[in-house]
């Protein structure tokens, strides 16, 4: 069977980083992990071609070659996902779909005309899908009947299908699920509240594949909460430290974790020893009442300011996620978020208006209350909220635009980044010779472009040179990472303009 694997485009937003990636001639931040996992679950005699539409479209020859088209998507990829289903059907291809979007809204997806809906986790639903194909069944829906997969049985993904030169960072997964029950999050709705994990040996086999493929950059562990099962994570990190040492510390790791990571110094130390250098934290808001209302109580049990400082001093650069628009939120929430970011010197701040994701606890509650606007989520960041908030939407949106504009002011961003990296604990290990040798002309050209834009052309010129040379003197081992994070402003400058234009126009249009 000749299978065309298609990953739809993500809408251009703050998460896509394409203007920063353009500096190093990369097309996308992360490759589609789900599809190469699917490929590993399919028969060995199948042939595959992978199309990541964030990198390039499929050619006519690739469409003609395919006997079946497999499409996986998150909800935010909805628009292009539906377009690709229609295109495949127009060409007379059999189409099978899966991923979070079809899993949460299967009836909506079914209306687009795919032949097979392979929902939930592929480890459970691909076998009955294959059985249906063997029986010659022309369609089917396979759901897994509410069960969760045993990840110790998950195979090594087909990483060889990725075009490695297109990506800045490669991705692996250790766990699925999260023990917390934040009202607005869809992780537990899809993957459950128990963090199920692979064995350390499985993850190391995946890293072996990266090593053999010649990878020498970042690796993102895409777990929704890396520390959801701390005992298992400790075991992994102990094995990972040995693997890194044996291979000369070839990779820098990044991940996502709950803020209570700060309460575990042993875990922070292990992560530092393994060459983790960044962590995304879902801070959401410094407003305690909003956190409680959203059932994000794990963020109310400790000082968020102290948590950010502890994690930073341990050597992990903090990326912060923030949300505006919670129920009961008081005016000025945007300004309070901005003040929190500034006093904690968080460089990269991913800020958005709250959305009710399909079939989350928030979505169900708002539906009962008659406050949903439509049944699906408008998940891109250039739209308004998909429900009626408890304060005027114009007020929320105006604060969102104003705060976004201030957060991504180039001088403020540069100062925050500088302060953060002064405080950042230095890495425990020097880059391996493999990393040093493989620095290329594209990296040199990117640095020269940044020097021109930030150090000559813009009004950041004096700050740029002062901060760079000061950091080289005071915390030299973080300078390379500092330069990489500083490049994010190239994308955020575009994003804040888009936000002001699109959200501003919606606010000016009047009441919803």
Protein backbone atom coordinates (compact mmCIF):
# COMPACT_ATOMS: atom_id res chain seq x y z
CA UNK A 1 0.00 0.00 0.00
CA UNK A 2 1.31 3.45 -0.95
CA UNK A 3 0.34 5.92 1.77
CA UNK A 4 0.65 9.70 1.57
CA UNK A 5 0.94 11.14 5.09
CA UNK A 6 -0.26 14.75 5.24
CA UNK A 7 0.22 17.22 8.09
CA UNK A 8 -1.95 20.34 7.48
CA UNK A 9 -0.73 23.89 7.83
CA UNK A 10 -0.90 25.74 11.12
CA UNK A 11 -2.31 29.26 10.92
CA UNK A 12 0.45 31.83 11.16
CA UNK A 13 0.56 33.05 14.75
CA UNK A 14 2.95 33.63 17.65
CA UNK A 15 3.63 29.89 18.00
CA UNK A 16 4.89 29.38 14.45
CA UNK A 17 8.06 31.50 14.72
CA UNK A 18 8.51 31.57 10.95
CA UNK A 19 10.17 35.00 10.86
CA UNK A 20 12.73 33.95 13.45
CA UNK A 21 13.25 30.61 11.71
CA UNK A 22 13.85 32.41 8.43
CA UNK A 23 17.11 33.71 9.91
CA UNK A 24 18.52 30.18 9.88
CA UNK A 25 16.65 29.11 6.72
CA UNK A 26 14.41 26.63 8.54
CA UNK A 27 10.81 26.16 7.46
CA UNK A 28 9.14 25.02 10.69
CA UNK A 29 9.87 24.81 14.40
CA UNK A 30 8.81 21.18 14.92
CA UNK A 31 8.06 18.21 12.64
CA UNK A 32 4.79 16.19 12.79
CA UNK A 33 5.51 13.52 15.38
CA UNK A 34 2.05 11.98 15.16
CA UNK A 35 2.36 10.90 11.53
CA UNK A 36 5.75 9.22 11.87
CA UNK A 37 4.34 7.38 14.90
CA UNK A 38 1.39 6.28 12.75
CA UNK A 39 3.79 5.10 10.05
CA UNK A 40 5.58 2.90 12.60
CA UNK A 41 2.24 1.33 13.58
CA UNK A 42 1.35 0.44 9.99
CA UNK A 43 2.55 -2.68 8.12
CA UNK A 44 6.25 -2.82 7.26
CA UNK A 45 5.52 -3.51 3.60
CA UNK A 46 3.63 -0.23 3.16
CA UNK A 47 5.40 2.62 1.36
CA UNK A 48 5.24 6.16 2.74
CA UNK A 49 5.73 9.73 1.63
CA UNK A 50 5.36 12.45 4.27
CA UNK A 51 4.06 15.90 3.35
CA UNK A 52 4.33 18.57 6.03
CA UNK A 53 2.41 21.46 4.53
CA UNK A 54 4.18 23.82 6.91
CA UNK A 55 7.26 23.00 4.84
CA UNK A 56 5.91 22.38 1.33
CA UNK A 57 2.78 21.20 -0.54
CA UNK A 58 2.40 17.79 -2.14
CA UNK A 59 3.41 17.56 -5.78
CA UNK A 60 1.15 16.22 -8.52
CA UNK A 61 3.39 13.17 -8.75
CA UNK A 62 2.96 12.48 -5.03
CA UNK A 63 -0.83 12.75 -5.26
CA UNK A 64 -0.83 10.39 -8.25
CA UNK A 65 1.46 7.91 -6.44
CA UNK A 66 -0.79 7.60 -3.36
CA UNK A 67 -3.28 4.76 -2.93
CA UNK A 68 -4.48 6.08 0.43
CA UNK A 69 -4.10 9.46 2.16
CA UNK A 70 -3.65 9.66 5.94
CA UNK A 71 -4.21 13.08 7.56
CA UNK A 72 -3.66 13.95 11.23
CA UNK A 73 -4.48 17.32 12.74
CA UNK A 74 -4.85 19.37 15.87
CA UNK A 75 -7.93 21.58 16.10
CA UNK A 76 -5.98 24.71 15.25
CA UNK A 77 -5.14 23.07 11.89
CA UNK A 78 -8.84 22.67 11.10
CA UNK A 79 -9.07 24.90 8.04
CA UNK A 80 -6.25 23.31 6.07
CA UNK A 81 -7.17 19.85 7.35
CA UNK A 82 -10.64 20.11 5.80
CA UNK A 83 -9.14 21.51 2.60
CA UNK A 84 -6.77 18.53 2.31
CA UNK A 85 -9.59 16.02 2.91
CA UNK A 86 -11.60 17.65 0.13
CA UNK A 87 -8.59 17.73 -2.18
CA UNK A 88 -7.84 14.05 -1.63
CA UNK A 89 -11.48 13.09 -2.25
CA UNK A 90 -11.56 15.26 -5.39
CA UNK A 91 -8.70 13.16 -6.68
CA UNK A 92 -10.54 9.93 -5.92
CA UNK A 93 -8.30 8.84 -3.05
CA UNK A 94 -9.29 6.85 0.01
CA UNK A 95 -8.84 9.06 3.07
CA UNK A 96 -8.22 8.12 6.70
CA UNK A 97 -8.05 10.84 9.35
CA UNK A 98 -7.05 11.03 13.00
CA UNK A 99 -5.54 13.25 15.68
CA UNK A 100 -7.03 15.59 18.30
CA UNK A 101 -9.36 17.46 15.93
CA UNK A 102 -11.16 14.37 14.52
CA UNK A 103 -11.14 12.80 18.00
CA UNK A 104 -12.91 15.72 19.67
CA UNK A 105 -15.25 16.66 16.79
CA UNK A 106 -15.77 13.46 14.76
CA UNK A 107 -19.20 14.37 13.40
CA UNK A 108 -17.95 17.70 12.10
CA UNK A 109 -14.99 15.97 10.46
CA UNK A 110 -17.18 13.19 9.03
CA UNK A 111 -19.19 15.80 7.14
CA UNK A 112 -16.05 16.66 5.13
CA UNK A 113 -16.16 13.17 3.60
CA UNK A 114 -13.19 11.08 4.83
CA UNK A 115 -13.62 7.33 4.47
CA UNK A 116 -12.13 6.29 7.79
CA UNK A 117 -12.01 8.03 11.16
CA UNK A 118 -9.17 6.55 13.23
CA UNK A 119 -9.73 8.32 16.54
CA UNK A 120 -8.00 8.58 19.91
CA UNK A 121 -4.66 6.79 20.22
CA UNK A 122 -3.33 4.96 17.17
CA UNK A 123 -1.84 2.13 19.20
CA UNK A 124 -5.44 1.07 19.91
CA UNK A 125 -7.35 2.12 16.80
CA UNK A 126 -4.96 1.40 13.92
CA UNK A 127 -5.23 -2.42 14.29
CA UNK A 128 -9.05 -2.46 13.78
CA UNK A 129 -8.64 0.05 10.94
CA UNK A 130 -6.18 -2.30 9.22
CA UNK A 131 -8.52 -5.22 9.78
CA UNK A 132 -11.32 -3.27 8.09
CA UNK A 133 -9.03 -2.53 5.13
CA UNK A 134 -8.19 -6.22 4.79
CA UNK A 135 -11.90 -7.06 4.78
CA UNK A 136 -12.44 -4.54 2.00
CA UNK A 137 -14.72 -2.29 4.06
CA UNK A 138 -15.07 1.09 2.28
CA UNK A 139 -15.50 3.16 5.47
CA UNK A 140 -15.44 2.99 9.24
CA UNK A 141 -15.05 4.77 12.56
CA UNK A 142 -12.63 3.37 15.14
CA UNK A 143 -12.65 4.92 18.60
CA UNK A 144 -10.88 2.66 21.07
CA UNK A 145 -13.99 2.47 23.28
CA UNK A 146 -12.61 4.83 25.93
CA UNK A 147 -9.44 2.84 26.62
CA UNK A 148 -5.95 4.32 26.86
CA UNK A 149 -2.87 2.90 25.18
CA UNK A 150 0.00 1.18 26.95
CA UNK A 151 2.90 3.34 25.75
CA UNK A 152 5.42 0.63 26.55
CA UNK A 153 4.08 -1.07 23.42
CA UNK A 154 4.51 1.99 21.19
CA UNK A 155 7.14 1.53 18.46
CA UNK A 156 10.03 3.80 17.56
CA UNK A 157 8.54 6.38 15.15
CA UNK A 158 9.70 6.51 11.52
CA UNK A 159 11.95 9.53 12.00
CA UNK A 160 13.62 8.80 8.67
CA UNK A 161 10.53 10.24 6.95
CA UNK A 162 11.28 13.76 8.22
CA UNK A 163 13.21 16.29 6.15
CA UNK A 164 15.60 17.17 8.98
CA UNK A 165 16.96 20.24 7.22
CA UNK A 166 13.53 21.89 7.38
CA UNK A 167 13.26 21.97 11.17
CA UNK A 168 14.86 23.83 14.04
CA UNK A 169 13.99 21.21 16.68
CA UNK A 170 13.08 17.53 16.62
CA UNK A 171 10.42 16.07 18.88
CA UNK A 172 9.96 12.96 20.99
CA UNK A 173 7.29 11.92 23.47
CA UNK A 174 7.77 10.22 26.82
CA UNK A 175 4.30 10.50 28.38
CA UNK A 176 0.64 11.19 27.63
CA UNK A 177 -1.90 12.47 30.13
CA UNK A 178 -1.73 14.88 33.06
CA UNK A 179 -2.76 14.50 36.72
CA UNK A 180 -4.28 17.98 36.91
CA UNK A 181 -7.74 19.04 35.75
CA UNK A 182 -7.48 22.60 34.48
CA UNK A 183 -10.94 23.48 33.21
CA UNK A 184 -9.78 24.94 29.89
CA UNK A 185 -7.28 22.22 28.91
CA UNK A 186 -8.14 19.36 26.56
CA UNK A 187 -5.24 17.08 27.54
CA UNK A 188 -7.18 15.12 30.15
CA UNK A 189 -10.25 14.95 27.90
CA UNK A 190 -8.17 13.22 25.20
CA UNK A 191 -5.42 11.41 27.13
CA UNK A 192 -6.74 11.03 30.68
CA UNK A 193 -5.54 12.10 34.11
CA UNK A 194 -2.91 9.41 34.59
CA UNK A 195 0.44 10.20 33.02
CA UNK A 196 1.24 7.05 31.05
CA UNK A 197 4.88 6.69 30.08
CA UNK A 198 7.28 4.85 27.82
CA UNK A 199 10.24 3.04 29.32
CA UNK A 200 13.58 4.89 29.45
CA UNK A 201 14.96 2.31 27.02
CA UNK A 202 12.28 3.24 24.47
CA UNK A 203 13.12 6.93 24.59
CA UNK A 204 16.84 6.25 24.37
CA UNK A 205 16.24 4.12 21.27
CA UNK A 206 14.53 7.11 19.73
CA UNK A 207 17.48 9.35 20.59
CA UNK A 208 19.77 6.72 19.06
CA UNK A 209 17.87 7.25 15.82
CA UNK A 210 18.46 11.01 15.97
CA UNK A 211 22.14 10.34 16.61
CA UNK A 212 22.38 8.00 13.62
CA UNK A 213 20.57 10.53 11.42
CA UNK A 214 23.24 13.10 12.30
CA UNK A 215 21.04 15.47 14.28
CA UNK A 216 22.93 18.01 16.40
CA UNK A 217 20.39 20.62 17.53
CA UNK A 218 17.48 20.84 19.96
CA UNK A 219 15.14 18.04 21.00
CA UNK A 220 11.72 18.95 22.39
CA UNK A 221 10.02 16.42 24.67
CA UNK A 222 6.43 17.22 23.73
CA UNK A 223 4.69 15.80 26.80
CA UNK A 224 1.90 18.11 27.94
CA UNK A 225 3.35 17.84 31.44
CA UNK A 226 6.80 16.28 31.51
CA UNK A 227 6.68 15.91 35.30
CA UNK A 228 3.19 14.40 35.43
CA UNK A 229 4.67 11.15 36.75
CA UNK A 230 7.72 12.24 38.73
CA UNK A 231 8.92 8.79 39.77
CA UNK A 232 9.07 7.64 36.16
CA UNK A 233 10.68 10.89 35.02
CA UNK A 234 13.44 10.51 37.60
CA UNK A 235 14.19 7.06 36.24
CA UNK A 236 14.28 8.42 32.71
CA UNK A 237 16.59 11.32 33.60
CA UNK A 238 19.06 9.04 35.35
CA UNK A 239 19.29 6.90 32.20
CA UNK A 240 19.33 9.96 29.94
CA UNK A 241 22.24 11.49 31.85
CA UNK A 242 24.30 8.35 31.20
CA UNK A 243 23.31 8.36 27.52
CA UNK A 244 24.26 12.03 27.11
CA UNK A 245 27.65 11.44 28.76
CA UNK A 246 28.39 8.42 26.58
CA UNK A 247 27.57 10.39 23.42
CA UNK A 248 29.31 13.63 24.39
CA UNK A 249 26.13 15.61 25.23
CA UNK A 250 24.98 16.02 21.60
CA UNK A 251 21.49 17.43 22.32
CA UNK A 252 19.91 20.31 24.19
CA UNK A 253 16.49 19.37 25.56
CA UNK A 254 13.37 21.47 25.98
CA UNK A 255 9.98 20.51 27.38
CA UNK A 256 6.71 21.61 29.03
CA UNK A 257 6.01 21.21 32.73
CA UNK A 258 3.70 22.35 35.49
CA UNK A 259 4.94 25.19 37.68
CA UNK A 260 5.27 22.89 40.70
CA UNK A 261 8.47 21.61 39.09
CA UNK A 262 10.03 24.39 41.19
CA UNK A 263 9.28 22.41 44.37
CA UNK A 264 11.51 19.53 43.29
CA UNK A 265 15.19 20.58 43.39
CA UNK A 266 16.34 17.01 42.72
CA UNK A 267 14.36 16.92 39.48
CA UNK A 268 15.65 20.35 38.46
CA UNK A 269 19.21 19.18 39.10
CA UNK A 270 18.70 16.03 37.02
CA UNK A 271 17.26 18.05 34.15
CA UNK A 272 20.26 20.37 34.23
CA UNK A 273 22.65 17.41 34.25
CA UNK A 274 20.89 16.04 31.15
CA UNK A 275 21.34 19.32 29.21
CA UNK A 276 17.78 20.65 29.47
CA UNK A 277 17.98 24.37 28.83
CA UNK A 278 14.35 25.53 28.45
CA UNK A 279 10.94 24.76 29.90
CA UNK A 280 7.49 26.06 28.99
CA UNK A 281 5.39 26.84 32.06
CA UNK A 282 1.63 27.35 31.97
CA UNK A 283 1.53 30.26 34.43
CA UNK A 284 -1.74 31.54 32.87
CA UNK A 285 -2.26 34.51 35.22
CA UNK A 286 -1.00 35.91 38.53
CA UNK A 287 -4.65 36.39 39.61
CA UNK A 288 -5.31 33.77 42.28
CA UNK A 289 -9.10 34.01 41.93
CA UNK A 290 -8.89 33.26 38.20
CA UNK A 291 -6.61 30.28 38.77
CA UNK A 292 -9.01 28.88 41.35
CA UNK A 293 -12.04 29.43 39.10
CA UNK A 294 -10.24 27.61 36.26
CA UNK A 295 -9.35 24.70 38.59
CA UNK A 296 -5.64 25.39 38.08
CA UNK A 297 -5.12 25.06 41.79
CA UNK A 298 -1.57 23.69 41.45
CA UNK A 299 -0.56 27.27 40.60
CA UNK A 300 -2.11 28.62 43.81
CA UNK A 301 -0.10 26.43 46.18
CA UNK A 302 3.20 28.23 45.73
CA UNK A 303 4.56 31.67 44.94
CA UNK A 304 4.65 31.94 41.17
CA UNK A 305 7.42 34.54 41.38
CA UNK A 306 9.57 32.23 43.52
CA UNK A 307 8.83 29.29 41.22
CA UNK A 308 10.06 31.15 38.12
CA UNK A 309 13.21 32.25 39.95
CA UNK A 310 14.04 28.75 41.22
CA UNK A 311 13.60 27.19 37.79
CA UNK A 312 15.67 29.92 36.13
CA UNK A 313 18.55 29.68 38.60
CA UNK A 314 18.60 25.92 38.02
CA UNK A 315 19.59 26.64 34.42
CA UNK A 316 16.23 26.36 32.64
CA UNK A 317 15.20 29.33 30.53
CA UNK A 318 11.51 29.93 31.24
CA UNK A 319 8.96 30.33 28.47
CA UNK A 320 5.69 31.52 29.99
CA UNK A 321 2.14 30.83 28.83
CA UNK A 322 -0.47 33.42 29.82
CA UNK A 323 -4.23 33.75 29.24
CA UNK A 324 -6.69 36.60 29.58
CA UNK A 325 -10.48 36.28 29.75
CA UNK A 326 -11.20 33.97 32.69
CA UNK A 327 -14.62 34.07 34.34
CA UNK A 328 -14.81 36.61 37.15
CA UNK A 329 -11.64 38.31 35.96
CA UNK A 330 -11.26 41.90 37.14
CA UNK A 331 -10.29 44.79 34.85
CA UNK A 332 -6.57 45.30 34.44
CA UNK A 333 -5.74 41.58 34.06
CA UNK A 334 -3.53 42.35 31.06
CA UNK A 335 -1.53 44.89 33.01
CA UNK A 336 -1.09 42.46 35.90
CA UNK A 337 0.22 39.82 33.51
CA UNK A 338 2.59 42.36 31.99
CA UNK A 339 3.87 43.37 35.46
CA UNK A 340 4.44 39.70 36.37
CA UNK A 341 6.40 39.07 33.18
CA UNK A 342 8.53 42.18 33.68
CA UNK A 343 9.41 41.63 37.33
CA UNK A 344 10.30 38.00 36.63
CA UNK A 345 12.17 38.87 33.41
CA UNK A 346 10.49 36.13 31.35
CA UNK A 347 11.78 36.57 27.78
CA UNK A 348 9.41 34.54 25.59
CA UNK A 349 5.82 35.08 26.65
CA UNK A 350 3.07 33.27 24.77
CA UNK A 351 -0.06 35.27 25.49
CA UNK A 352 -3.60 34.63 24.24
CA UNK A 353 -7.28 35.14 24.91
CA UNK A 354 -9.07 32.20 26.47
CA UNK A 355 -10.79 29.78 24.11
CA UNK A 356 -13.20 26.99 25.05
CA UNK A 357 -11.64 23.93 23.42
CA UNK A 358 -14.15 21.28 22.30
CA UNK A 359 -15.23 18.85 25.02
CA UNK A 360 -13.14 20.38 27.78
CA UNK A 361 -14.83 20.97 31.14
CA UNK A 362 -14.96 24.67 30.23
CA UNK A 363 -16.63 23.94 26.90
CA UNK A 364 -19.29 21.74 28.52
CA UNK A 365 -19.99 24.28 31.27
CA UNK A 366 -20.31 27.19 28.87
CA UNK A 367 -22.54 25.12 26.62
CA UNK A 368 -24.87 24.40 29.56
CA UNK A 369 -24.89 28.10 30.41
CA UNK A 370 -25.70 29.07 26.81
CA UNK A 371 -22.53 31.12 26.48
CA UNK A 372 -20.77 29.29 23.64
CA UNK A 373 -20.66 31.14 20.34
CA UNK A 374 -21.00 28.26 17.93
CA UNK A 375 -20.04 24.70 18.76
CA UNK A 376 -16.39 24.76 17.71
CA UNK A 377 -13.35 26.76 18.79
CA UNK A 378 -11.88 29.61 16.78
CA UNK A 379 -8.43 28.68 17.92
CA UNK A 380 -6.19 31.07 16.06
CA UNK A 381 -4.97 34.08 17.99
CA UNK A 382 -6.30 36.62 15.51
CA UNK A 383 -9.92 35.98 16.49
CA UNK A 384 -12.03 36.91 19.48
CA UNK A 385 -13.08 34.44 22.17
CA UNK A 386 -15.55 31.73 21.18
CA UNK A 387 -17.80 32.36 24.19
CA UNK A 388 -19.38 35.26 26.04
CA UNK A 389 -17.03 36.28 28.90
CA UNK A 390 -18.13 37.71 32.24
CA UNK A 391 -16.78 41.15 31.39
CA UNK A 392 -17.25 43.01 28.10
CA UNK A 393 -15.41 41.34 25.24
CA UNK A 394 -14.25 44.74 23.99
CA UNK A 395 -12.54 45.32 27.34
CA UNK A 396 -10.83 41.92 27.31
CA UNK A 397 -9.74 42.27 23.69
CA UNK A 398 -8.45 45.82 24.17
CA UNK A 399 -6.35 44.70 27.13
CA UNK A 400 -5.08 41.79 25.07
CA UNK A 401 -3.96 44.08 22.23
CA UNK A 402 -2.39 46.65 24.56
CA UNK A 403 -0.53 44.02 26.62
CA UNK A 404 0.69 42.19 23.51
CA UNK A 405 2.03 45.45 22.13
CA UNK A 406 3.96 46.18 25.34
CA UNK A 407 5.25 42.64 25.83
CA UNK A 408 6.82 42.56 22.39
CA UNK A 409 8.23 46.05 22.35
CA UNK A 410 11.79 45.36 21.16
CA UNK A 411 13.52 47.36 23.90
CA UNK A 412 11.44 45.81 26.68
CA UNK A 413 11.93 42.33 25.23
CA UNK A 414 15.67 42.85 24.96
CA UNK A 415 15.96 44.10 28.55
CA UNK A 416 13.89 41.18 29.91
CA UNK A 417 15.95 38.66 28.00
CA UNK A 418 19.20 40.17 29.23
CA UNK A 419 18.07 40.17 32.88
CA UNK A 420 16.81 36.59 32.57
CA UNK A 421 20.09 35.29 31.17
CA UNK A 422 22.11 37.08 33.82
CA UNK A 423 20.09 35.15 36.40
CA UNK A 424 20.09 31.88 34.42
CA UNK A 425 22.19 29.10 35.85
CA UNK A 426 24.95 28.23 33.34
CA UNK A 427 24.83 24.86 31.56
CA UNK A 428 26.60 22.01 33.30
CA UNK A 429 28.24 20.82 30.08
CA UNK A 430 29.95 22.47 27.15
CA UNK A 431 28.54 21.79 23.68
CA UNK A 432 29.98 18.64 22.18
CA UNK A 433 32.53 18.79 19.38
CA UNK A 434 29.81 17.43 17.11
CA UNK A 435 27.66 20.51 17.78
CA UNK A 436 30.61 22.90 17.41
CA UNK A 437 31.80 21.40 14.13
CA UNK A 438 28.37 21.44 12.54
CA UNK A 439 27.72 25.15 13.05
CA UNK A 440 27.18 26.28 9.47
CA UNK A 441 27.22 29.35 7.31
CA UNK A 442 23.48 29.70 7.92
CA UNK A 443 24.19 30.26 11.63
CA UNK A 444 26.85 32.86 10.90
CA UNK A 445 24.57 34.62 8.43
CA UNK A 446 21.74 34.61 11.00
CA UNK A 447 24.00 36.21 13.60
CA UNK A 448 25.14 38.88 11.15
CA UNK A 449 21.52 39.63 10.23
CA UNK A 450 20.61 40.03 13.90
CA UNK A 451 23.61 42.29 14.49
CA UNK A 452 22.44 44.49 11.63
CA UNK A 453 18.77 44.63 12.57
CA UNK A 454 19.04 44.79 16.36
CA UNK A 455 22.49 46.32 16.73
CA UNK A 456 22.50 48.90 13.93
CA UNK A 457 19.18 49.50 12.22
CA UNK A 458 16.74 49.68 15.18
CA UNK A 459 16.66 51.91 18.24
CA UNK A 460 17.78 48.86 20.24
CA UNK A 461 21.32 49.32 18.95
CA UNK A 462 22.91 50.51 22.20
CA UNK A 463 21.11 47.92 24.31
CA UNK A 464 22.03 45.16 21.88
CA UNK A 465 25.77 45.68 22.13
CA UNK A 466 25.76 46.51 25.84
CA UNK A 467 23.73 43.43 26.75
CA UNK A 468 25.73 41.10 24.51
CA UNK A 469 29.15 42.12 25.79
CA UNK A 470 27.97 42.34 29.39
CA UNK A 471 26.62 38.80 29.20
CA UNK A 472 29.84 37.56 27.59
CA UNK A 473 31.66 38.95 30.61
CA UNK A 474 29.23 37.98 33.39
CA UNK A 475 27.63 34.66 32.29
CA UNK A 476 29.48 33.66 29.10
CA UNK A 477 28.28 30.05 28.83
CA UNK A 478 24.66 31.12 28.20
CA UNK A 479 25.52 33.56 25.40
CA UNK A 480 24.70 31.23 22.51
CA UNK A 481 21.30 30.43 24.01
CA UNK A 482 20.74 34.14 24.67
CA UNK A 483 21.33 34.94 21.01
CA UNK A 484 18.83 32.28 19.94
CA UNK A 485 16.11 33.60 22.27
CA UNK A 486 16.84 37.18 21.22
CA UNK A 487 15.98 36.16 17.67
CA UNK A 488 12.36 35.55 18.71
CA UNK A 489 11.66 39.27 18.56
CA UNK A 490 11.96 39.08 14.77
CA UNK A 491 8.75 37.07 14.79
CA UNK A 492 7.03 38.82 17.69
CA UNK A 493 7.37 42.24 16.01
CA UNK A 494 5.28 40.91 13.15
CA UNK A 495 2.87 39.21 15.50
CA UNK A 496 2.09 42.30 17.56
CA UNK A 497 1.36 44.23 14.38
CA UNK A 498 -1.05 41.48 13.29
CA UNK A 499 -2.72 41.50 16.69
CA UNK A 500 -3.23 45.24 16.71
CA UNK A 501 -4.63 45.19 13.18
CA UNK A 502 -6.93 42.14 13.33
CA UNK A 503 -8.16 42.20 16.93
CA UNK A 504 -8.34 45.98 16.85
CA UNK A 505 -10.64 45.81 13.82
CA UNK A 506 -12.90 43.28 15.55
CA UNK A 507 -13.11 45.45 18.67
CA UNK A 508 -13.89 48.53 16.59
CA UNK A 509 -16.72 46.64 14.90
CA UNK A 510 -18.68 46.79 18.17
CA UNK A 511 -20.52 44.21 20.31
CA UNK A 512 -20.42 40.55 19.34
